[in-house]
Amino acid sequence: MERAAMFLAELAPQARGVFQYLLRNPGRWIHCTELVDKALGGPNESDPARRLAGVLSGMSKGHSNSERRLPFYWWEAPEGSAGATYAVRPSVAAVFLAAQLDAA
């Protein structure tokens, strides 16, 4: 839980918004266009996958300092499609949500 709190404390603001959206939807596969629309307030630009990748780079400090792997999974788009899909396991979401409550 301590490493989860450290990870959360060091997230860039937009990265925090994306991660919060994933935490509120544990176990659900979420396409990058939905994350851009809902977590980043859209509009979906010409390349939402690139925009989201840039935002997720705002997790690098928390990722390295917490000595954790990234707390979500991602899958590349099938051939002929664009944009990745992301998800956080329910058990991982529970740890991060508890860390947030503990910090409040």
C-alpha atoms as a PDB file:
ATOM      1  CA  MET A   1       0.000   0.000   0.000  1.00  0.00           C
ATOM      2  CA  GLU A   2       2.918   2.328   0.727  1.00  0.00           C
ATOM      3  CA  ARG A   3       4.282   1.890  -2.802  1.00  0.00           C
ATOM      4  CA  ALA A   4       0.819   2.474  -4.241  1.00  0.00           C
ATOM      5  CA  ALA A   5       0.551   5.747  -2.306  1.00  0.00           C
ATOM      6  CA  MET A   6       3.998   6.780  -3.543  1.00  0.00           C
ATOM      7  CA  PHE A   7       3.017   5.991  -7.123  1.00  0.00           C
ATOM      8  CA  LEU A   8      -0.173   8.043  -6.834  1.00  0.00           C
ATOM      9  CA  ALA A   9       1.583  11.010  -5.228  1.00  0.00           C
ATOM     10  CA  GLU A  10       3.991  11.331  -8.128  1.00  0.00           C
ATOM     11  CA  LEU A  11       1.565  11.140 -11.033  1.00  0.00           C
ATOM     12  CA  ALA A  12       1.328  14.063 -13.411  1.00  0.00           C
ATOM     13  CA  PRO A  13      -2.211  15.576 -13.346  1.00  0.00           C
ATOM     14  CA  GLN A  14      -3.444  14.187 -16.670  1.00  0.00           C
ATOM     15  CA  ALA A  15      -1.894  10.781 -15.967  1.00  0.00           C
ATOM     16  CA  ARG A  16      -3.729  10.797 -12.628  1.00  0.00           C
ATOM     17  CA  GLY A  17      -7.007  11.455 -14.452  1.00  0.00           C
ATOM     18  CA  VAL A  18      -6.472   8.521 -16.793  1.00  0.00           C
ATOM     19  CA  PHE A  19      -5.475   6.218 -13.944  1.00  0.00           C
ATOM     20  CA  GLN A  20      -8.481   7.332 -11.858  1.00  0.00           C
ATOM     21  CA  TYR A  21     -10.762   6.457 -14.764  1.00  0.00           C
ATOM     22  CA  LEU A  22      -9.210   2.995 -14.979  1.00  0.00           C
ATOM     23  CA  LEU A  23      -9.597   2.558 -11.201  1.00  0.00           C
ATOM     24  CA  ARG A  24     -13.306   3.435 -11.427  1.00  0.00           C
ATOM     25  CA  ASN A  25     -13.724   0.755 -14.102  1.00  0.00           C
ATOM     26  CA  PRO A  26     -11.751  -2.233 -12.777  1.00  0.00           C
ATOM     27  CA  GLY A  27     -11.580  -5.304 -14.963  1.00  0.00           C
ATOM     28  CA  ARG A  28     -13.046  -3.524 -17.990  1.00  0.00           C
ATOM     29  CA  TRP A  29     -11.050  -3.210 -21.195  1.00  0.00           C
ATOM     30  CA  ILE A  30     -11.089   0.455 -22.202  1.00  0.00           C
ATOM     31  CA  HIS A  31     -10.036   1.668 -25.637  1.00  0.00           C
ATOM     32  CA  CYS A  32      -7.742   4.686 -25.853  1.00  0.00           C
ATOM     33  CA  THR A  33     -10.458   6.759 -27.538  1.00  0.00           C
ATOM     34  CA  GLU A  34     -12.714   6.356 -24.486  1.00  0.00           C
ATOM     35  CA  LEU A  35      -9.865   7.326 -22.157  1.00  0.00           C
ATOM     36  CA  VAL A  36      -9.165  10.461 -24.197  1.00  0.00           C
ATOM     37  CA  ASP A  37     -12.864  11.365 -24.314  1.00  0.00           C
ATOM     38  CA  LYS A  38     -13.800  10.591 -20.706  1.00  0.00           C
ATOM     39  CA  ALA A  39     -10.591  10.976 -18.677  1.00  0.00           C
ATOM     40  CA  LEU A  40      -8.952  13.766 -20.668  1.00  0.00           C
ATOM     41  CA  GLY A  41     -12.112  15.593 -21.636  1.00  0.00           C
ATOM     42  CA  GLY A  42     -11.701  14.983 -25.381  1.00  0.00           C
ATOM     43  CA  PRO A  43     -12.095  15.946 -28.050  1.00  0.00           C
ATOM     44  CA  ASN A  44     -10.625  12.946 -29.711  1.00  0.00           C
ATOM     45  CA  GLU A  45      -7.928  14.417 -31.894  1.00  0.00           C
ATOM     46  CA  SER A  46      -6.628  12.832 -35.064  1.00  0.00           C
ATOM     47  CA  ASP A  47      -4.440  10.426 -33.056  1.00  0.00           C
ATOM     48  CA  PRO A  48      -5.881   9.616 -29.609  1.00  0.00           C
ATOM     49  CA  ALA A  49      -3.405   6.752 -29.173  1.00  0.00           C
ATOM     50  CA  ARG A  50      -0.454   9.133 -29.463  1.00  0.00           C
ATOM     51  CA  ARG A  51      -2.098  11.664 -27.124  1.00  0.00           C
ATOM     52  CA  LEU A  52      -2.730   8.987 -24.513  1.00  0.00           C
ATOM     53  CA  ALA A  53       0.816   7.639 -24.823  1.00  0.00           C
ATOM     54  CA  GLY A  54       2.139  11.117 -24.114  1.00  0.00           C
ATOM     55  CA  VAL A  55      -0.093  11.461 -21.065  1.00  0.00           C
ATOM     56  CA  LEU A  56       0.929   8.052 -19.746  1.00  0.00           C
ATOM     57  CA  SER A  57       4.557   9.123 -19.860  1.00  0.00           C
ATOM     58  CA  GLY A  58       3.520  11.274 -16.875  1.00  0.00           C
ATOM     59  CA  MET A  59       3.553   8.048 -14.854  1.00  0.00           C
ATOM     60  CA  SER A  60       7.287   7.498 -15.314  1.00  0.00           C
ATOM     61  CA  LYS A  61       8.410   9.192 -12.075  1.00  0.00           C
ATOM     62  CA  GLY A  62       5.872   7.353  -9.939  1.00  0.00           C
ATOM     63  CA  HIS A  63       6.641   4.138 -11.744  1.00  0.00           C
ATOM     64  CA  SER A  64      10.390   4.292 -11.156  1.00  0.00           C
ATOM     65  CA  ASN A  65      10.266   5.684  -7.592  1.00  0.00           C
ATOM     66  CA  SER A  66       7.656   3.203  -6.348  1.00  0.00           C
ATOM     67  CA  GLU A  67       9.668   0.262  -7.711  1.00  0.00           C
ATOM     68  CA  ARG A  68       6.423  -1.221  -9.048  1.00  0.00           C
ATOM     69  CA  ARG A  69       5.484  -2.334 -12.498  1.00  0.00           C
ATOM     70  CA  LEU A  70       2.845  -0.167 -14.109  1.00  0.00           C
ATOM     71  CA  PRO A  71      -0.423  -1.022 -12.342  1.00  0.00           C
ATOM     72  CA  PHE A  72      -2.408  -1.604 -15.516  1.00  0.00           C
ATOM     73  CA  TYR A  73      -2.211  -3.747 -18.617  1.00  0.00           C
ATOM     74  CA  TRP A  74      -2.428  -2.686 -22.220  1.00  0.00           C
ATOM     75  CA  TRP A  75      -2.982  -4.529 -25.470  1.00  0.00           C
ATOM     76  CA  GLU A  76      -2.047  -3.364 -28.927  1.00  0.00           C
ATOM     77  CA  ALA A  77      -4.832  -2.914 -31.433  1.00  0.00           C
ATOM     78  CA  PRO A  78      -5.521  -5.826 -33.762  1.00  0.00           C
ATOM     79  CA  GLU A  79      -3.946  -5.558 -37.173  1.00  0.00           C
ATOM     80  CA  GLY A  80      -5.824  -3.030 -39.273  1.00  0.00           C
ATOM     81  CA  SER A  81      -7.141  -1.189 -36.189  1.00  0.00           C
ATOM     82  CA  ALA A  82      -5.764   1.781 -34.312  1.00  0.00           C
ATOM     83  CA  GLY A  83      -5.190   2.451 -30.635  1.00  0.00           C
ATOM     84  CA  ALA A  84      -4.478   0.255 -27.655  1.00  0.00           C
ATOM     85  CA  THR A  85      -6.851  -1.029 -24.999  1.00  0.00           C
ATOM     86  CA  TYR A  86      -6.147  -0.655 -21.265  1.00  0.00           C
ATOM     87  CA  ALA A  87      -7.378  -2.304 -18.074  1.00  0.00           C
ATOM     88  CA  VAL A  88      -6.615  -2.545 -14.368  1.00  0.00           C
ATOM     89  CA  ARG A  89      -7.297  -5.691 -12.376  1.00  0.00           C
ATOM     90  CA  PRO A  90      -9.981  -5.373  -9.694  1.00  0.00           C
ATOM     91  CA  SER A  91      -7.518  -6.492  -7.003  1.00  0.00           C
ATOM     92  CA  VAL A  92      -5.021  -3.825  -8.068  1.00  0.00           C
ATOM     93  CA  ALA A  93      -7.745  -1.173  -8.175  1.00  0.00           C
ATOM     94  CA  ALA A  94      -8.725  -2.100  -4.606  1.00  0.00           C
ATOM     95  CA  VAL A  95      -5.170  -1.501  -3.363  1.00  0.00           C
ATOM     96  CA  PHE A  96      -4.918   1.888  -5.056  1.00  0.00           C
ATOM     97  CA  LEU A  97      -8.377   2.987  -3.914  1.00  0.00           C
ATOM     98  CA  ALA A  98      -7.498   1.992  -0.343  1.00  0.00           C
ATOM     99  CA  ALA A  99      -4.214   3.916  -0.605  1.00  0.00           C
ATOM    100  CA  GLN A 100      -6.174   6.992  -1.706  1.00  0.00           C
ATOM    101  CA  LEU A 101      -8.592   6.681   1.217  1.00  0.00           C
ATOM    102  CA  ASP A 102      -5.728   6.178   3.631  1.00  0.00           C
ATOM    103  CA  ALA A 103      -4.019   9.327   2.349  1.00  0.00           C
ATOM    104  CA  ALA A 104      -7.193  11.437   2.651  1.00  0.00           C
END
